[in-house]
């Protein structure tokens, strides 16, 4: 029976060593002859052998499991991050355990403890600002952690992020040269994530450098379209050209819907810019100018850094900043 077959028996039947069978099971077959691979494969098929993760982790000291904690798994940006993580991890024969934190520290803490109890080899985390105390727990357990999109500290941490501050600063500076009279930013609570704080700072610095004023509207993450519509209508001024910057990808489609009565005024009277990683901004009428983050690449690189650290190769730069792109469309001049 398959459950009684051991790796030792597989090695004996295939006329090879346990180490060679272990390499085969972990996908490390670069230096293995075709004949040896075929013998091992034949025995495994004949015995219907399925190695248990627990048994393999006891012998190798690794489970080949990666704990991934994402702030909001429902948006396309997060989907692309996880896709990037998974694509690289599968190539290296690691599997993911994914959790959604809603940027809630208590949920983050629960996931960390549960994933540690499952024996994950390391973590990739999109952290809230309070995560630093959990970093200490992870490191005390001898596990590696890579922060993605945001970080809790610049000191002795591994992370992958995008140039949010520079991208916003550059884009808003372009429109601060008299094309619009009024400037408004709509954002979810910036204090939750370092990324949000960078975007807010980029927006404010661009206008301050030009000695222009602006309005910042901090809204709940679950604000409804109707409430956004009231907020925007209350701020628009007749005869003034207004640029609206939406700092969060999940808020942008709601703001766009809330502005349905003003779309005929875009881009001459009202401009709209946001963060987004989805196709709808190119298909909408008008299409929407966006700052696009390389989400897939963020995920892929974070997995490369983590696996490199787990396997102690020291081949990857532990801190990486990737560049955003500006997709120019019809919602701005």
Protein backbone atom coordinates (compact mmCIF):
# COMPACT_ATOMS: atom_id res chain seq x y z
CA UNK A 1 0.00 0.00 0.00
CA UNK A 2 1.20 3.52 -0.86
CA UNK A 3 1.02 4.79 2.72
CA UNK A 4 3.47 2.11 3.90
CA UNK A 5 6.07 2.77 1.24
CA UNK A 6 9.06 4.75 2.47
CA UNK A 7 11.67 6.74 0.60
CA UNK A 8 14.18 4.05 1.57
CA UNK A 9 12.13 1.39 -0.19
CA UNK A 10 11.74 3.60 -3.25
CA UNK A 11 15.54 3.99 -3.36
CA UNK A 12 16.10 0.22 -3.00
CA UNK A 13 13.60 -0.66 -5.75
CA UNK A 14 15.04 1.99 -8.07
CA UNK A 15 18.59 0.85 -7.28
CA UNK A 16 19.73 4.29 -6.20
CA UNK A 17 20.31 6.28 -3.02
CA UNK A 18 17.81 8.00 -0.70
CA UNK A 19 19.49 11.31 -1.46
CA UNK A 20 18.91 10.86 -5.18
CA UNK A 21 15.24 10.02 -4.60
CA UNK A 22 14.92 13.09 -2.36
CA UNK A 23 16.43 15.27 -5.11
CA UNK A 24 13.93 13.79 -7.58
CA UNK A 25 10.97 14.48 -5.27
CA UNK A 26 12.10 18.08 -4.77
CA UNK A 27 12.57 18.68 -8.49
CA UNK A 28 16.36 18.96 -8.26
CA UNK A 29 17.18 16.78 -11.26
CA UNK A 30 19.64 18.95 -13.21
CA UNK A 31 22.57 16.57 -12.67
CA UNK A 32 20.52 13.36 -12.71
CA UNK A 33 20.73 10.97 -15.65
CA UNK A 34 17.63 10.19 -17.69
CA UNK A 35 17.99 6.52 -16.82
CA UNK A 36 17.94 7.22 -13.09
CA UNK A 37 14.94 9.54 -13.43
CA UNK A 38 13.01 6.89 -15.37
CA UNK A 39 13.78 4.19 -12.78
CA UNK A 40 12.58 6.37 -9.90
CA UNK A 41 9.48 7.48 -11.84
CA UNK A 42 8.62 3.84 -12.67
CA UNK A 43 8.84 2.75 -9.02
CA UNK A 44 6.78 5.72 -7.82
CA UNK A 45 4.05 4.96 -10.37
CA UNK A 46 4.04 1.24 -9.52
CA UNK A 47 3.76 1.89 -5.80
CA UNK A 48 1.50 4.97 -6.07
CA UNK A 49 3.90 6.68 -3.67
CA UNK A 50 2.91 10.12 -2.31
CA UNK A 51 5.44 11.76 0.02
CA UNK A 52 3.91 13.53 3.00
CA UNK A 53 4.83 17.15 3.56
CA UNK A 54 5.31 16.46 7.26
CA UNK A 55 7.74 13.61 6.65
CA UNK A 56 9.70 15.58 4.10
CA UNK A 57 9.94 18.59 6.41
CA UNK A 58 11.34 16.46 9.23
CA UNK A 59 14.15 15.18 7.04
CA UNK A 60 14.87 18.35 5.08
CA UNK A 61 14.02 20.91 7.79
CA UNK A 62 11.89 22.66 5.16
CA UNK A 63 8.19 22.34 4.32
CA UNK A 64 8.46 24.30 1.08
CA UNK A 65 5.46 26.31 2.25
CA UNK A 66 5.32 30.10 2.02
CA UNK A 67 2.87 32.17 4.05
CA UNK A 68 1.45 35.10 2.07
CA UNK A 69 -0.59 37.77 3.88
CA UNK A 70 -2.25 40.38 1.63
CA UNK A 71 -4.08 43.49 2.82
CA UNK A 72 -7.01 43.24 0.40
CA UNK A 73 -7.09 40.20 -1.86
CA UNK A 74 -10.18 41.40 -3.75
CA UNK A 75 -8.49 43.99 -5.98
CA UNK A 76 -6.64 43.29 -9.20
CA UNK A 77 -3.39 44.74 -7.86
CA UNK A 78 -3.32 42.09 -5.12
CA UNK A 79 -4.33 39.35 -7.56
CA UNK A 80 -1.36 40.17 -9.78
CA UNK A 81 1.01 40.23 -6.78
CA UNK A 82 -0.11 36.75 -5.73
CA UNK A 83 0.16 35.51 -9.32
CA UNK A 84 3.76 36.71 -9.46
CA UNK A 85 4.59 35.09 -6.12
CA UNK A 86 2.97 31.81 -7.17
CA UNK A 87 4.65 31.64 -10.58
CA UNK A 88 8.15 31.89 -9.15
CA UNK A 89 7.38 29.75 -6.10
CA UNK A 90 6.06 26.87 -8.21
CA UNK A 91 9.20 26.94 -10.34
CA UNK A 92 11.19 26.44 -7.13
CA UNK A 93 8.73 23.79 -5.83
CA UNK A 94 7.25 25.93 -3.05
CA UNK A 95 3.53 26.16 -2.28
CA UNK A 96 1.58 29.13 -0.96
CA UNK A 97 -0.76 29.56 1.99
CA UNK A 98 -2.59 32.85 1.36
CA UNK A 99 -4.46 34.98 3.88
CA UNK A 100 -6.40 38.25 3.56
CA UNK A 101 -5.86 40.66 6.49
CA UNK A 102 -8.07 43.65 5.60
CA UNK A 103 -5.11 45.64 7.03
CA UNK A 104 -6.30 44.56 10.48
CA UNK A 105 -3.46 43.95 12.96
CA UNK A 106 -5.37 41.30 14.93
CA UNK A 107 -6.05 39.34 11.72
CA UNK A 108 -2.38 39.68 10.75
CA UNK A 109 -1.32 38.38 14.15
CA UNK A 110 -3.69 35.40 13.91
CA UNK A 111 -2.40 34.48 10.45
CA UNK A 112 1.24 34.73 11.53
CA UNK A 113 0.72 32.37 14.48
CA UNK A 114 -1.33 29.90 12.46
CA UNK A 115 1.12 29.86 9.56
CA UNK A 116 4.06 29.42 11.94
CA UNK A 117 2.27 26.43 13.49
CA UNK A 118 1.92 24.96 9.99
CA UNK A 119 5.68 25.19 9.58
CA UNK A 120 5.99 27.72 6.76
CA UNK A 121 9.57 28.39 5.70
CA UNK A 122 8.98 32.13 5.36
CA UNK A 123 6.53 34.95 4.76
CA UNK A 124 5.68 37.49 2.09
CA UNK A 125 3.54 40.20 3.67
CA UNK A 126 1.78 43.39 2.66
CA UNK A 127 1.88 44.82 6.18
CA UNK A 128 -0.14 47.33 8.14
CA UNK A 129 1.82 50.00 10.00
CA UNK A 130 1.54 48.05 13.29
CA UNK A 131 3.20 44.90 11.98
CA UNK A 132 6.66 45.50 13.50
CA UNK A 133 5.94 43.54 16.70
CA UNK A 134 5.06 40.49 14.59
CA UNK A 135 8.33 40.76 12.67
CA UNK A 136 10.18 40.03 15.91
CA UNK A 137 8.08 36.90 16.50
CA UNK A 138 8.78 35.63 12.97
CA UNK A 139 12.52 36.19 13.31
CA UNK A 140 12.65 34.54 16.74
CA UNK A 141 11.30 31.41 15.03
CA UNK A 142 14.17 31.57 12.54
CA UNK A 143 11.87 32.35 9.61
CA UNK A 144 12.49 34.78 6.78
CA UNK A 145 10.09 37.58 5.85
CA UNK A 146 9.85 39.84 2.79
CA UNK A 147 7.58 42.87 2.85
CA UNK A 148 5.80 43.83 -0.33
CA UNK A 149 4.24 47.14 -1.44
CA UNK A 150 4.72 48.63 2.07
CA UNK A 151 7.27 48.21 4.79
CA UNK A 152 7.30 48.70 8.55
CA UNK A 153 10.97 49.65 8.82
CA UNK A 154 13.85 50.58 6.52
CA UNK A 155 16.35 48.91 8.87
CA UNK A 156 17.51 45.34 8.35
CA UNK A 157 14.39 44.30 6.43
CA UNK A 158 13.82 42.69 3.05
CA UNK A 159 11.24 44.40 0.84
CA UNK A 160 9.98 45.09 -2.68
CA UNK A 161 8.03 48.26 -3.43
CA UNK A 162 7.33 50.75 -6.20
CA UNK A 163 8.35 54.41 -6.49
CA UNK A 164 4.97 55.70 -5.34
CA UNK A 165 6.25 59.03 -4.04
CA UNK A 166 8.27 59.87 -7.13
CA UNK A 167 5.52 58.78 -9.53
CA UNK A 168 2.87 60.93 -7.85
CA UNK A 169 5.22 63.89 -7.43
CA UNK A 170 6.15 63.83 -11.11
CA UNK A 171 2.60 63.44 -12.41
CA UNK A 172 0.98 66.08 -10.19
CA UNK A 173 3.84 68.50 -10.89
CA UNK A 174 2.98 68.28 -14.58
CA UNK A 175 -0.57 69.50 -13.87
CA UNK A 176 0.50 72.08 -11.29
CA UNK A 177 1.77 74.32 -14.09
CA UNK A 178 -1.54 76.23 -14.46
CA UNK A 179 -3.56 73.60 -16.39
CA UNK A 180 -5.96 73.27 -13.44
CA UNK A 181 -7.03 75.82 -10.82
CA UNK A 182 -8.15 73.51 -8.00
CA UNK A 183 -6.61 70.26 -6.74
CA UNK A 184 -8.31 67.60 -4.62
CA UNK A 185 -7.08 64.25 -3.35
CA UNK A 186 -9.40 61.44 -2.26
CA UNK A 187 -7.72 58.76 -0.18
CA UNK A 188 -8.39 56.03 2.34
CA UNK A 189 -6.72 56.46 5.74
CA UNK A 190 -3.04 57.14 4.89
CA UNK A 191 -1.75 56.09 8.32
CA UNK A 192 -2.64 52.44 7.65
CA UNK A 193 0.09 51.87 5.04
CA UNK A 194 3.45 53.43 4.26
CA UNK A 195 2.48 53.27 0.56
CA UNK A 196 -0.53 55.52 1.12
CA UNK A 197 1.60 57.95 3.10
CA UNK A 198 4.10 58.15 0.22
CA UNK A 199 1.34 58.93 -2.28
CA UNK A 200 -0.15 61.64 -0.06
CA UNK A 201 3.29 63.16 0.46
CA UNK A 202 4.02 63.12 -3.28
CA UNK A 203 0.73 64.92 -4.03
CA UNK A 204 1.23 67.53 -1.32
CA UNK A 205 4.91 68.17 -2.10
CA UNK A 206 4.21 68.66 -5.82
CA UNK A 207 1.69 71.40 -5.08
CA UNK A 208 3.63 72.97 -2.22
CA UNK A 209 6.67 73.36 -4.47
CA UNK A 210 4.45 75.33 -6.87
CA UNK A 211 2.95 77.29 -3.96
CA UNK A 212 -0.53 75.99 -4.76
CA UNK A 213 -3.28 74.95 -2.35
CA UNK A 214 -5.18 71.67 -2.29
CA UNK A 215 -7.87 69.75 -0.44
CA UNK A 216 -7.41 66.26 1.00
CA UNK A 217 -10.49 64.12 1.61
CA UNK A 218 -9.87 61.05 3.77
CA UNK A 219 -12.71 58.56 3.35
CA UNK A 220 -13.63 55.14 4.74
CA UNK A 221 -12.41 52.23 2.68
CA UNK A 222 -15.99 51.00 2.29
CA UNK A 223 -17.50 54.38 1.33
CA UNK A 224 -20.37 54.05 -1.13
CA UNK A 225 -20.69 55.70 -4.55
CA UNK A 226 -23.60 57.87 -3.40
CA UNK A 227 -21.53 59.34 -0.55
CA UNK A 228 -18.62 60.02 -2.88
CA UNK A 229 -21.00 61.76 -5.25
CA UNK A 230 -22.16 64.11 -2.49
CA UNK A 231 -18.57 64.78 -1.43
CA UNK A 232 -17.42 65.65 -4.94
CA UNK A 233 -20.46 67.80 -5.76
CA UNK A 234 -19.87 69.77 -2.56
CA UNK A 235 -16.30 70.62 -3.56
CA UNK A 236 -16.57 71.47 -7.27
CA UNK A 237 -16.71 75.20 -8.04
CA UNK A 238 -18.34 76.76 -11.08
CA UNK A 239 -15.79 78.29 -13.43
CA UNK A 240 -12.83 76.53 -11.80
CA UNK A 241 -10.84 73.76 -13.47
CA UNK A 242 -10.41 70.98 -10.92
CA UNK A 243 -8.03 68.00 -10.90
CA UNK A 244 -9.08 65.07 -8.74
CA UNK A 245 -6.42 62.55 -7.68
CA UNK A 246 -7.63 59.20 -6.28
CA UNK A 247 -4.84 57.63 -4.24
CA UNK A 248 -6.21 54.06 -3.98
CA UNK A 249 -6.96 51.60 -6.76
CA UNK A 250 -10.08 50.28 -5.01
CA UNK A 251 -11.53 53.80 -4.70
CA UNK A 252 -10.94 54.82 -8.32
CA UNK A 253 -13.86 52.90 -9.90
CA UNK A 254 -16.22 54.20 -7.22
CA UNK A 255 -15.09 57.79 -7.79
CA UNK A 256 -15.53 57.32 -11.54
CA UNK A 257 -19.10 56.12 -11.01
CA UNK A 258 -19.75 58.99 -8.60
CA UNK A 259 -18.71 61.44 -11.35
CA UNK A 260 -21.15 60.11 -13.95
CA UNK A 261 -22.85 63.51 -14.22
CA UNK A 262 -19.56 65.29 -14.92
CA UNK A 263 -17.92 63.04 -17.49
CA UNK A 264 -18.84 65.37 -20.32
CA UNK A 265 -16.67 68.00 -18.60
CA UNK A 266 -13.54 65.82 -18.74
CA UNK A 267 -10.79 66.72 -19.27
CA UNK A 268 -11.15 70.46 -19.94
CA UNK A 269 -13.02 71.40 -16.76
CA UNK A 270 -12.51 68.35 -14.55
CA UNK A 271 -9.50 66.03 -14.59
CA UNK A 272 -9.30 62.58 -13.00
CA UNK A 273 -6.16 60.60 -12.15
CA UNK A 274 -5.85 57.44 -10.09
CA UNK A 275 -3.93 54.32 -9.24
CA UNK A 276 -5.10 51.27 -11.08
CA UNK A 277 -4.00 47.96 -12.57
CA UNK A 278 -7.13 46.90 -14.45
CA UNK A 279 -8.30 47.13 -18.03
CA UNK A 280 -11.52 49.01 -17.31
CA UNK A 281 -9.73 52.38 -17.27
CA UNK A 282 -8.85 51.98 -20.96
CA UNK A 283 -12.38 50.87 -21.91
CA UNK A 284 -14.34 53.52 -19.98
CA UNK A 285 -15.68 56.72 -21.55
CA UNK A 286 -13.69 58.78 -21.03
CA UNK A 287 -10.70 56.50 -20.45
CA UNK A 288 -8.85 57.30 -17.22
CA UNK A 289 -5.24 58.41 -16.74
CA UNK A 290 -3.57 56.12 -14.21
CA UNK A 291 -0.34 55.42 -12.39
CA UNK A 292 0.19 51.71 -12.94
CA UNK A 293 2.30 49.66 -10.57
CA UNK A 294 4.18 46.56 -11.81
CA UNK A 295 2.22 44.34 -9.44
CA UNK A 296 3.15 41.00 -11.03
CA UNK A 297 6.84 41.90 -10.99
CA UNK A 298 6.56 42.93 -7.33
CA UNK A 299 5.20 39.52 -6.45
CA UNK A 300 7.73 37.66 -8.58
CA UNK A 301 10.70 39.56 -7.15
CA UNK A 302 9.51 39.17 -3.56
CA UNK A 303 9.35 35.40 -4.04
CA UNK A 304 12.86 35.40 -5.53
CA UNK A 305 14.20 37.30 -2.52
CA UNK A 306 12.42 35.04 -0.02
CA UNK A 307 13.50 31.73 -1.59
CA UNK A 308 17.04 33.10 -1.91
CA UNK A 309 17.03 33.90 1.84
CA UNK A 310 15.45 30.56 2.84
CA UNK A 311 18.02 28.61 0.85
CA UNK A 312 20.83 30.96 1.95
CA UNK A 313 22.10 31.63 -1.56
CA UNK A 314 22.74 35.37 -1.05
CA UNK A 315 22.23 36.04 -4.76
CA UNK A 316 19.33 38.52 -4.64
CA UNK A 317 19.33 42.17 -3.61
CA UNK A 318 17.15 42.25 -0.44
CA UNK A 319 15.63 45.68 -1.17
CA UNK A 320 14.17 46.56 -4.55
CA UNK A 321 12.24 49.60 -5.83
CA UNK A 322 10.38 49.09 -9.10
CA UNK A 323 9.22 51.93 -11.34
CA UNK A 324 5.55 52.76 -11.96
CA UNK A 325 4.28 53.68 -15.42
CA UNK A 326 1.92 56.49 -16.39
CA UNK A 327 -0.89 55.46 -18.73
CA UNK A 328 -2.12 58.70 -20.32
CA UNK A 329 -5.81 58.71 -21.25
CA UNK A 330 -8.76 61.01 -21.90
CA UNK A 331 -9.62 62.05 -18.31
CA UNK A 332 -6.79 64.60 -18.13
CA UNK A 333 -5.45 67.37 -20.36
